[in-house]
């Protein structure tokens, strides 16, 4: 089981999107990379994406930061 969580930061505000859960690793990878792909064209200054298993072990992390 894999959980994908996205964190969005704008200034002093941090938002967390609803978690997406996938049983299949390939499907979880797809969700993870789609979130990072969307972050690339987003107006939100900082996106972080984390994928972890049901035990809380981190599988992968990534972020996208828009610099002015």
C-alpha atoms as a PDB file:
ATOM      1  CA  UNK A   1       0.000   0.000   0.000  1.00  0.00           C
ATOM      2  CA  UNK A   2       1.335   3.455  -0.939  1.00  0.00           C
ATOM      3  CA  UNK A   3       0.231   6.920   0.133  1.00  0.00           C
ATOM      4  CA  UNK A   4       0.974  10.022  -1.939  1.00  0.00           C
ATOM      5  CA  UNK A   5       0.729  13.389  -0.188  1.00  0.00           C
ATOM      6  CA  UNK A   6       1.267  16.854  -1.635  1.00  0.00           C
ATOM      7  CA  UNK A   7       2.248  19.942   0.349  1.00  0.00           C
ATOM      8  CA  UNK A   8       1.763  23.400  -1.138  1.00  0.00           C
ATOM      9  CA  UNK A   9       3.446  26.485   0.325  1.00  0.00           C
ATOM     10  CA  UNK A  10       2.571  30.089  -0.452  1.00  0.00           C
ATOM     11  CA  UNK A  11       4.353  32.630   1.727  1.00  0.00           C
ATOM     12  CA  UNK A  12       3.562  31.756   5.342  1.00  0.00           C
ATOM     13  CA  UNK A  13       0.670  29.443   4.419  1.00  0.00           C
ATOM     14  CA  UNK A  14       1.021  25.690   4.012  1.00  0.00           C
ATOM     15  CA  UNK A  15      -1.717  23.482   2.592  1.00  0.00           C
ATOM     16  CA  UNK A  16      -1.890  19.711   2.377  1.00  0.00           C
ATOM     17  CA  UNK A  17      -3.963  18.064  -0.314  1.00  0.00           C
ATOM     18  CA  UNK A  18      -6.026  14.934   0.429  1.00  0.00           C
ATOM     19  CA  UNK A  19      -3.896  11.787   0.439  1.00  0.00           C
ATOM     20  CA  UNK A  20      -4.160   9.374  -2.476  1.00  0.00           C
ATOM     21  CA  UNK A  21      -3.743   5.675  -1.686  1.00  0.00           C
ATOM     22  CA  UNK A  22      -2.690   3.050  -4.227  1.00  0.00           C
ATOM     23  CA  UNK A  23      -2.057  -0.650  -3.711  1.00  0.00           C
ATOM     24  CA  UNK A  24       0.089  -0.988  -6.842  1.00  0.00           C
ATOM     25  CA  UNK A  25       3.612   0.534  -6.929  1.00  0.00           C
ATOM     26  CA  UNK A  26       3.392   1.532 -10.591  1.00  0.00           C
ATOM     27  CA  UNK A  27       0.076   3.311 -10.018  1.00  0.00           C
ATOM     28  CA  UNK A  28       1.558   5.068  -6.984  1.00  0.00           C
ATOM     29  CA  UNK A  29       4.565   6.164  -9.053  1.00  0.00           C
ATOM     30  CA  UNK A  30       2.209   7.542 -11.694  1.00  0.00           C
ATOM     31  CA  UNK A  31       0.300   9.623  -9.131  1.00  0.00           C
ATOM     32  CA  UNK A  32       3.574  10.854  -7.611  1.00  0.00           C
ATOM     33  CA  UNK A  33       4.996  12.033 -10.937  1.00  0.00           C
ATOM     34  CA  UNK A  34       1.687  13.484 -12.132  1.00  0.00           C
ATOM     35  CA  UNK A  35       1.613  15.648  -8.985  1.00  0.00           C
ATOM     36  CA  UNK A  36       5.125  16.898  -9.720  1.00  0.00           C
ATOM     37  CA  UNK A  37       4.171  17.505 -13.355  1.00  0.00           C
ATOM     38  CA  UNK A  38       1.211  19.630 -12.306  1.00  0.00           C
ATOM     39  CA  UNK A  39       3.484  21.513  -9.902  1.00  0.00           C
ATOM     40  CA  UNK A  40       5.751  22.493 -12.793  1.00  0.00           C
ATOM     41  CA  UNK A  41       3.035  24.695 -14.319  1.00  0.00           C
ATOM     42  CA  UNK A  42       1.338  25.784 -11.092  1.00  0.00           C
ATOM     43  CA  UNK A  43       1.360  29.330  -9.731  1.00  0.00           C
ATOM     44  CA  UNK A  44       1.951  27.996  -6.197  1.00  0.00           C
ATOM     45  CA  UNK A  45       5.532  28.919  -5.201  1.00  0.00           C
ATOM     46  CA  UNK A  46       6.546  25.601  -3.592  1.00  0.00           C
ATOM     47  CA  UNK A  47       5.139  22.095  -4.048  1.00  0.00           C
ATOM     48  CA  UNK A  48       6.504  19.047  -2.239  1.00  0.00           C
ATOM     49  CA  UNK A  49       5.310  15.512  -2.937  1.00  0.00           C
ATOM     50  CA  UNK A  50       5.958  12.523  -0.685  1.00  0.00           C
ATOM     51  CA  UNK A  51       5.198   8.859  -1.276  1.00  0.00           C
ATOM     52  CA  UNK A  52       5.313   6.523   1.711  1.00  0.00           C
ATOM     53  CA  UNK A  53       4.115   3.051   2.606  1.00  0.00           C
ATOM     54  CA  UNK A  54       1.504   2.027   5.164  1.00  0.00           C
ATOM     55  CA  UNK A  55       4.228   1.834   7.829  1.00  0.00           C
ATOM     56  CA  UNK A  56       5.315   5.425   7.240  1.00  0.00           C
ATOM     57  CA  UNK A  57       8.531   4.504   5.433  1.00  0.00           C
ATOM     58  CA  UNK A  58       9.331   7.143   2.828  1.00  0.00           C
ATOM     59  CA  UNK A  59       9.581   5.673  -0.677  1.00  0.00           C
ATOM     60  CA  UNK A  60      10.394   8.908  -2.536  1.00  0.00           C
ATOM     61  CA  UNK A  61      10.150  12.663  -2.269  1.00  0.00           C
ATOM     62  CA  UNK A  62      10.324  15.513  -4.718  1.00  0.00           C
ATOM     63  CA  UNK A  63       9.623  19.205  -4.924  1.00  0.00           C
ATOM     64  CA  UNK A  64       9.177  21.981  -7.425  1.00  0.00           C
ATOM     65  CA  UNK A  65       9.983  25.580  -6.542  1.00  0.00           C
ATOM     66  CA  UNK A  66       9.115  28.591  -8.697  1.00  0.00           C
ATOM     67  CA  UNK A  67      11.737  31.285  -8.285  1.00  0.00           C
ATOM     68  CA  UNK A  68      11.120  34.887  -9.280  1.00  0.00           C
END
